[in-house]
Protein backbone atom coordinates (compact mmCIF):
# COMPACT_ATOMS: atom_id res chain seq x y z
CA GLN A 1 46.06 -0.89 33.99
CA CYS A 2 42.96 0.09 32.42
CA VAL A 3 40.93 2.86 33.79
CA GLY A 4 38.29 4.72 31.44
CA GLU A 5 39.42 7.61 29.47
CA GLN A 6 43.23 7.31 30.18
CA LEU A 7 43.14 4.30 27.11
CA THR A 8 45.22 5.23 24.09
CA PRO A 9 44.06 3.26 20.88
CA ALA A 10 46.97 0.80 21.58
CA GLN A 11 45.72 -0.13 25.20
CA LEU A 12 42.03 0.24 23.87
CA GLU A 13 42.80 -2.19 21.45
CA PHE A 14 45.23 -4.45 23.93
CA ALA A 15 41.59 -4.63 26.49
CA VAL A 16 39.45 -6.01 23.35
CA GLN A 17 41.91 -8.58 22.25
CA SER A 18 42.44 -9.75 26.04
CA ALA A 19 38.81 -9.96 26.58
CA ALA A 20 37.99 -11.60 23.45
CA MET A 21 40.94 -14.36 23.75
CA GLY A 22 39.56 -15.73 27.24
CA GLY A 23 42.00 -16.90 29.76
CA LYS A 24 43.05 -15.22 33.25
CA PHE A 25 42.48 -11.38 32.56
CA CYS A 26 39.90 -11.43 29.97
CA ASN A 27 36.39 -10.29 32.51
CA GLN A 28 39.48 -7.61 33.83
CA ALA A 29 39.74 -6.15 30.29
CA ALA A 30 35.42 -6.63 29.98
CA GLN A 31 35.12 -4.66 33.07
CA ALA A 32 37.61 -2.13 32.46
CA LEU A 33 35.69 -1.63 28.73
CA ALA A 34 32.37 -1.41 30.49
CA ARG A 35 33.22 1.40 32.27
CA PHE A 36 33.20 3.52 29.18
CA GLY A 37 29.08 3.89 29.30
CA ASP A 38 27.92 6.06 26.36
CA ALA A 39 29.41 9.33 26.96
CA THR A 40 32.76 8.97 25.58
CA GLU A 41 34.47 8.52 21.73
CA THR A 42 36.16 5.72 23.47
CA ALA A 43 33.13 3.81 23.92
CA ARG A 44 32.45 3.89 20.61
CA SER A 45 35.72 2.94 19.39
CA ALA A 46 35.54 -0.04 21.60
CA LEU A 47 32.54 -1.07 20.12
CA GLU A 48 34.22 -1.09 16.92
CA LEU A 49 36.96 -3.12 17.79
CA ILE A 50 34.33 -5.55 19.67
CA GLU A 51 32.17 -6.39 16.39
CA PRO A 52 34.46 -8.36 14.52
CA LYS A 53 35.68 -10.28 17.05
CA LEU A 54 32.46 -11.70 18.00
CA ARG A 55 32.85 -13.93 15.01
CA THR A 56 36.23 -15.68 16.19
CA ALA A 57 35.87 -15.11 20.11
CA ASN A 58 35.69 -18.55 21.68
CA ILE A 59 32.76 -19.10 24.35
CA GLU A 60 34.99 -17.53 27.20
CA GLY A 61 35.45 -14.41 24.75
CA ARG A 62 32.36 -14.02 23.80
CA ARG A 63 31.05 -14.17 27.11
CA ALA A 64 33.25 -11.31 28.20
CA LEU A 65 32.41 -9.33 25.64
CA ALA A 66 28.70 -9.85 26.63
CA LEU A 67 29.90 -7.96 29.80
CA ALA A 68 31.75 -5.12 28.15
CA VAL A 69 28.82 -4.61 26.07
CA GLY A 70 26.55 -4.81 28.65
CA GLY A 71 28.26 -1.96 30.54
CA MET A 72 27.53 0.41 27.71
CA HIS A 73 24.64 2.58 27.59
CA PRO A 74 21.76 0.12 25.45
CA HIS A 75 21.47 2.77 22.24
CA THR A 76 25.49 2.85 21.48
CA ALA A 77 25.25 -1.05 22.12
CA SER A 78 22.46 -1.99 20.52
CA ASP A 79 23.69 -3.63 17.34
CA ILE A 80 26.24 -5.49 19.03
CA GLY A 81 23.61 -7.10 21.23
CA LEU A 82 21.39 -7.63 18.58
CA VAL A 83 24.17 -9.92 17.18
CA LEU A 84 25.02 -11.54 20.64
CA SER A 85 21.40 -12.55 21.44
CA ASN A 86 21.63 -15.42 18.59
CA ASP A 87 24.74 -16.80 20.30
CA SER A 88 25.20 -20.34 20.81
CA ASP A 89 25.86 -19.72 24.38
CA PRO A 90 22.94 -19.34 26.93
CA GLN A 91 25.35 -17.14 29.63
CA VAL A 92 26.32 -14.61 26.39
CA ARG A 93 22.43 -14.51 25.91
CA ALA A 94 21.23 -13.75 29.26
CA ALA A 95 24.01 -10.93 29.69
CA VAL A 96 23.00 -9.38 26.08
CA MET A 97 19.15 -9.51 27.75
CA ARG A 98 20.30 -7.49 30.52
CA LEU A 99 21.44 -4.75 28.57
CA MET A 100 18.36 -4.44 26.48
CA ARG A 101 16.07 -1.49 27.58
CA LEU A 102 13.28 -1.58 24.84
CA THR A 103 13.45 0.17 21.97
CA GLU A 104 11.38 -1.61 19.20
CA THR A 105 13.62 -3.66 18.02
CA HIS A 106 14.35 -4.45 21.43
CA ALA A 107 11.31 -5.07 22.83
CA SER A 108 10.93 -7.60 19.94
CA VAL A 109 13.84 -9.24 20.55
CA VAL A 110 13.35 -9.73 24.36
CA THR A 111 9.68 -10.83 24.04
CA GLN A 112 10.88 -13.65 21.33
CA ALA A 113 13.84 -14.79 23.38
CA LEU A 114 11.35 -14.73 26.51
CA HIS A 115 9.01 -17.34 24.49
CA GLU A 116 11.60 -19.48 22.61
CA ASP A 117 14.92 -19.45 24.31
CA PRO A 118 15.10 -22.93 26.19
CA ASP A 119 17.30 -21.19 29.04
CA ALA A 120 16.02 -20.34 32.63
CA ALA A 121 18.81 -17.81 33.32
CA VAL A 122 17.87 -15.94 29.67
CA LYS A 123 14.17 -15.69 30.37
CA SER A 124 14.75 -14.37 33.78
CA ALA A 125 17.29 -11.62 32.43
CA CYS A 126 13.87 -11.36 29.70
CA LEU A 127 11.53 -11.57 32.86
CA LYS A 128 13.65 -8.62 34.61
CA VAL A 129 13.82 -5.88 31.96
CA LEU A 130 10.14 -6.40 31.50
CA ILE A 131 9.72 -5.53 35.23
CA ASP A 132 11.68 -2.06 34.10
CA VAL A 133 9.95 -1.27 30.74
CA PRO A 134 7.24 -3.02 30.22
CA HIS A 135 6.05 -4.25 26.77
CA VAL A 136 2.51 -5.37 26.27
CA GLU A 137 3.68 -7.56 23.68
CA ALA A 138 4.90 -9.99 25.80
CA LEU A 139 2.16 -10.05 27.82
CA PRO A 140 0.64 -13.66 27.00
CA GLU A 141 4.25 -15.34 27.38
CA LEU A 142 3.91 -13.71 31.24
CA ILE A 143 0.67 -14.65 31.91
CA SER A 144 1.61 -18.22 31.03
CA LEU A 145 4.88 -17.86 33.11
CA LEU A 146 2.88 -17.57 35.89
CA ASN A 147 2.89 -21.63 36.02
CA ASP A 148 6.74 -22.18 35.74
CA ALA A 149 7.51 -22.57 39.25
CA GLU A 150 11.22 -21.42 38.63
CA LEU A 151 10.51 -18.03 36.97
CA ARG A 152 6.73 -17.40 38.28
CA GLY A 153 7.85 -14.86 40.57
CA LEU A 154 9.70 -12.67 38.42
CA ALA A 155 6.72 -13.22 35.43
CA HIS A 156 4.38 -11.78 38.27
CA ARG A 157 6.18 -8.65 39.39
CA ALA A 158 6.24 -7.77 35.52
CA LEU A 159 2.79 -8.21 34.90
CA VAL A 160 2.02 -5.73 38.49
CA SER A 161 4.87 -3.34 36.15
CA ALA A 162 2.75 -3.58 33.16
CA SER A 163 -0.41 -3.29 35.05
CA GLY A 164 0.52 0.30 36.29
CA GLY A 165 1.44 -1.72 40.08
CA VAL A 166 -2.26 -2.94 40.53
CA ASP A 167 -1.96 -6.92 41.74
CA LEU A 168 -4.50 -9.51 40.54
CA GLY A 169 -2.75 -12.57 42.31
CA TRP A 170 -0.86 -15.35 41.17
CA ARG A 171 -3.66 -17.05 39.11
CA ASP A 172 -2.97 -17.24 34.96
CA PHE A 173 -6.87 -16.83 34.71
CA ASN A 174 -7.14 -13.51 36.30
CA TRP A 175 -4.30 -12.06 33.98
CA ALA A 176 -5.73 -13.66 31.28
CA ASP A 177 -8.96 -12.17 31.53
CA TRP A 178 -7.71 -8.91 32.23
CA TYR A 179 -5.39 -9.44 28.87
CA ARG A 180 -8.33 -10.70 26.71
CA LYS A 181 -10.59 -7.70 27.57
CA THR A 182 -7.70 -4.94 27.16
CA ARG A 183 -5.13 -6.07 24.64
CA HIS A 184 -5.31 -2.95 22.58
CA SER A 185 -3.19 -0.69 24.21
CA THR A 186 -0.77 -0.40 27.92
CA GLU A 187 -2.95 2.15 29.02
CA GLU A 188 -6.30 0.39 28.50
CA CYS A 189 -4.82 -2.54 30.36
CA ARG A 190 -3.71 -0.14 33.44
CA ILE A 191 -7.38 1.02 33.63
CA GLU A 192 -8.75 -2.09 32.88
CA ALA A 193 -6.36 -3.72 35.86
CA THR A 194 -7.47 -1.06 38.50
CA SER A 195 -11.08 -1.84 37.97
CA LEU A 196 -10.76 -5.94 37.91
CA ALA A 197 -8.46 -5.28 41.41
CA HIS A 198 -11.63 -3.56 43.10
């Protein structure tokens, strides 16, 4: 029964509590919370209620809270996303990576998770962010992931995105050569990729 702006403070608190506890209705509560986006005072109030629950919620509850936070505008949810980015559960970490949209802080979190996180779902979520919003610091890891059978397709798409749409193929040494020659700025990388492709 939770719909957007019509939640009273008591209903909002109930929705956050329901999501945090896990169980039968936690995903429905999380989806209701996620609908708030960034434009409302209700979303900010929800985030204030969610943050302390992160320390006490079980895995199912943290997954639901990550879903709720993921539906909110990244700048509103960024601090909570950073807290959840080190969660012990890979599904929570993957959900958080999907909400990152690369401020400087987010760029380093996504790049670090891409490099260090052992879970393929988390790496996949990072790659999808980097396809949408390229980040130069992630290029070495993207190049190395061309050799990963499971992730190479997404890594390739992220590299093409970073190069401004130029495709240097599937071989890591083509991209490594491009990166070595042009690692100083994104614009230089795009210019160099264009010349290497011809």
